[in-house]
């Protein structure tokens, strides 16, 4: 009984920063549709949008520091 309960529980996946950056850069290139990138990396499109937004914010902040 307990085995079936534990099999149904999904564990939240953790992605390292390098993976997030790789996927976000690919989304920024806009060579492929977001849905295709999501299927390729097995990540939800909304997650890719969030990583893309974070990358853009980081780039803007770094540009303001260096100017």
N, C-alpha and C. Protein backbone atom coordinates (compact mmCIF):
# COMPACT_ATOMS: atom_id res chain seq x y z
N UNK A 1 0.82 -1.20 0.00
CA UNK A 1 0.00 0.00 0.00
C UNK A 1 0.86 1.26 0.00
N UNK A 2 1.86 1.31 0.87
CA UNK A 2 2.70 2.51 0.96
C UNK A 2 3.57 2.69 -0.28
N UNK A 3 3.93 1.59 -0.93
CA UNK A 3 4.74 1.67 -2.14
C UNK A 3 4.01 2.43 -3.25
N UNK A 4 2.72 2.20 -3.38
CA UNK A 4 1.97 2.88 -4.43
C UNK A 4 1.83 4.37 -4.12
N UNK A 5 1.74 4.72 -2.86
CA UNK A 5 1.63 6.13 -2.49
C UNK A 5 2.93 6.86 -2.82
N UNK A 6 4.06 6.27 -2.50
CA UNK A 6 5.34 6.92 -2.74
C UNK A 6 5.67 7.01 -4.23
N UNK A 7 5.19 6.08 -5.02
CA UNK A 7 5.45 6.13 -6.46
C UNK A 7 4.71 7.27 -7.13
N UNK A 8 3.61 7.70 -6.57
CA UNK A 8 2.81 8.76 -7.16
C UNK A 8 3.34 10.15 -6.81
N UNK A 9 4.17 10.25 -5.80
CA UNK A 9 4.71 11.55 -5.40
C UNK A 9 5.80 11.96 -6.36
N UNK A 10 5.67 13.15 -6.92
CA UNK A 10 6.69 13.65 -7.83
C UNK A 10 7.69 14.49 -7.04
N UNK A 11 8.94 14.30 -7.35
CA UNK A 11 10.00 15.05 -6.70
C UNK A 11 10.35 16.24 -7.57
N UNK A 12 10.48 17.39 -6.98
CA UNK A 12 10.82 18.59 -7.73
C UNK A 12 12.25 18.49 -8.26
N UNK A 13 12.40 18.72 -9.55
CA UNK A 13 13.73 18.63 -10.15
C UNK A 13 14.50 19.91 -9.89
N UNK A 14 15.82 19.78 -9.77
CA UNK A 14 16.69 20.93 -9.56
C UNK A 14 17.64 21.02 -10.75
N UNK A 15 17.76 22.22 -11.30
CA UNK A 15 18.61 22.45 -12.45
C UNK A 15 19.77 23.33 -12.03
N UNK A 16 20.96 23.00 -12.51
CA UNK A 16 22.11 23.83 -12.18
C UNK A 16 22.10 25.09 -13.05
N UNK A 17 22.88 26.07 -12.63
CA UNK A 17 22.89 27.38 -13.30
C UNK A 17 23.36 27.28 -14.75
N UNK A 18 24.28 26.37 -15.01
CA UNK A 18 24.80 26.21 -16.38
C UNK A 18 23.69 25.73 -17.33
N UNK A 19 22.88 24.80 -16.87
CA UNK A 19 21.77 24.29 -17.67
C UNK A 19 20.75 25.40 -17.93
N UNK A 20 20.41 26.15 -16.88
CA UNK A 20 19.45 27.24 -17.02
C UNK A 20 19.94 28.27 -18.03
N UNK A 21 21.22 28.62 -17.94
CA UNK A 21 21.79 29.60 -18.85
C UNK A 21 21.78 29.09 -20.29
N UNK A 22 22.11 27.82 -20.47
CA UNK A 22 22.13 27.23 -21.81
C UNK A 22 20.75 27.29 -22.45
N UNK A 23 19.73 26.91 -21.69
CA UNK A 23 18.36 26.91 -22.21
C UNK A 23 17.89 28.35 -22.45
N UNK A 24 18.21 29.26 -21.54
CA UNK A 24 17.78 30.65 -21.69
C UNK A 24 18.43 31.30 -22.91
N UNK A 25 19.70 31.03 -23.13
CA UNK A 25 20.40 31.60 -24.30
C UNK A 25 19.79 31.06 -25.58
N UNK A 26 19.47 29.78 -25.58
CA UNK A 26 18.83 29.20 -26.77
C UNK A 26 17.47 29.85 -27.02
N UNK A 27 16.75 30.15 -25.95
CA UNK A 27 15.45 30.82 -26.11
C UNK A 27 15.64 32.25 -26.60
N UNK A 28 16.70 32.91 -26.15
CA UNK A 28 16.97 34.28 -26.60
C UNK A 28 17.33 34.34 -28.08
N UNK A 29 17.99 33.30 -28.57
CA UNK A 29 18.36 33.26 -29.99
C UNK A 29 17.15 33.23 -30.91
N UNK A 30 16.05 32.70 -30.42
CA UNK A 30 14.78 32.62 -31.15
C UNK A 30 14.91 31.91 -32.49
N UNK A 31 15.83 30.94 -32.57
CA UNK A 31 15.95 30.14 -33.79
C UNK A 31 14.90 29.04 -33.83
N UNK A 32 14.48 28.59 -32.65
CA UNK A 32 13.45 27.56 -32.54
C UNK A 32 12.29 28.12 -31.71
N UNK A 33 11.09 27.60 -31.94
CA UNK A 33 9.96 28.00 -31.08
C UNK A 33 10.19 27.53 -29.64
N UNK A 34 9.62 28.26 -28.72
CA UNK A 34 9.78 27.96 -27.30
C UNK A 34 9.29 26.55 -26.98
N UNK A 35 8.20 26.14 -27.59
CA UNK A 35 7.64 24.81 -27.34
C UNK A 35 8.63 23.72 -27.76
N UNK A 36 9.32 23.94 -28.86
CA UNK A 36 10.30 22.96 -29.33
C UNK A 36 11.49 22.84 -28.38
N UNK A 37 11.94 23.99 -27.87
CA UNK A 37 13.03 23.99 -26.89
C UNK A 37 12.59 23.27 -25.62
N UNK A 38 11.37 23.54 -25.20
CA UNK A 38 10.83 22.90 -23.98
C UNK A 38 10.78 21.39 -24.14
N UNK A 39 10.36 20.92 -25.28
CA UNK A 39 10.30 19.47 -25.51
C UNK A 39 11.70 18.87 -25.56
N UNK A 40 12.63 19.60 -26.17
CA UNK A 40 14.01 19.11 -26.29
C UNK A 40 14.66 18.90 -24.93
N UNK A 41 14.43 19.85 -24.02
CA UNK A 41 15.06 19.79 -22.70
C UNK A 41 14.14 19.25 -21.61
N UNK A 42 12.93 18.86 -21.97
CA UNK A 42 11.94 18.32 -21.01
C UNK A 42 11.69 19.29 -19.86
N UNK A 43 11.44 20.55 -20.23
CA UNK A 43 11.16 21.61 -19.26
C UNK A 43 9.91 22.33 -19.74
N UNK A 44 9.11 22.83 -18.81
CA UNK A 44 7.88 23.55 -19.17
C UNK A 44 8.24 24.89 -19.81
N UNK A 45 7.50 25.31 -20.84
CA UNK A 45 7.79 26.60 -21.49
C UNK A 45 7.76 27.79 -20.53
N UNK A 46 6.89 27.75 -19.54
CA UNK A 46 6.85 28.86 -18.57
C UNK A 46 8.15 28.95 -17.78
N UNK A 47 8.77 27.80 -17.52
CA UNK A 47 10.05 27.79 -16.80
C UNK A 47 11.13 28.43 -17.67
N UNK A 48 11.10 28.13 -18.95
CA UNK A 48 12.08 28.72 -19.86
C UNK A 48 11.88 30.23 -19.94
N UNK A 49 10.64 30.67 -19.99
CA UNK A 49 10.36 32.12 -20.00
C UNK A 49 10.92 32.79 -18.75
N UNK A 50 10.77 32.14 -17.61
CA UNK A 50 11.27 32.70 -16.35
C UNK A 50 12.80 32.79 -16.38
N UNK A 51 13.48 31.74 -16.86
CA UNK A 51 14.94 31.77 -16.94
C UNK A 51 15.41 32.82 -17.93
N UNK A 52 14.68 32.97 -19.03
CA UNK A 52 15.01 33.99 -20.04
C UNK A 52 14.89 35.39 -19.43
N UNK A 53 13.84 35.61 -18.68
CA UNK A 53 13.62 36.90 -18.03
C UNK A 53 14.73 37.18 -17.01
N UNK A 54 15.11 36.18 -16.23
CA UNK A 54 16.19 36.34 -15.26
C UNK A 54 17.51 36.67 -15.94
N UNK A 55 17.79 36.00 -17.06
CA UNK A 55 19.02 36.26 -17.80
C UNK A 55 19.04 37.69 -18.33
N UNK A 56 17.93 38.14 -18.88
CA UNK A 56 17.86 39.51 -19.39
C UNK A 56 18.06 40.53 -18.28
N UNK A 57 17.46 40.29 -17.12
CA UNK A 57 17.63 41.19 -15.98
C UNK A 57 19.08 41.22 -15.52
N UNK A 58 19.72 40.07 -15.51
CA UNK A 58 21.12 39.98 -15.12
C UNK A 58 22.00 40.74 -16.11
N UNK A 59 21.70 40.61 -17.39
CA UNK A 59 22.47 41.32 -18.42
C UNK A 59 22.30 42.83 -18.29
N UNK A 60 21.09 43.27 -18.03
CA UNK A 60 20.84 44.71 -17.87
C UNK A 60 21.59 45.24 -16.65
N UNK A 61 21.55 44.51 -15.56
CA UNK A 61 22.25 44.94 -14.35
C UNK A 61 23.75 45.00 -14.58
N UNK A 62 24.30 44.01 -15.27
CA UNK A 62 25.73 44.00 -15.51
C UNK A 62 26.14 45.11 -16.45
N UNK A 63 25.27 45.47 -17.39
CA UNK A 63 25.59 46.56 -18.31
C UNK A 63 25.58 47.91 -17.58
N UNK A 64 24.69 48.09 -16.64
CA UNK A 64 24.64 49.35 -15.90
C UNK A 64 25.83 49.49 -14.97
N UNK A 65 26.35 48.38 -14.49
CA UNK A 65 27.52 48.43 -13.60
C UNK A 65 28.77 48.82 -14.38
N UNK A 66 28.89 48.34 -15.60
CA UNK A 66 30.09 48.58 -16.39
C UNK A 66 30.05 49.87 -17.19
N UNK A 67 28.95 50.60 -17.17
CA UNK A 67 28.91 51.86 -17.92
C UNK A 67 29.07 53.05 -17.04
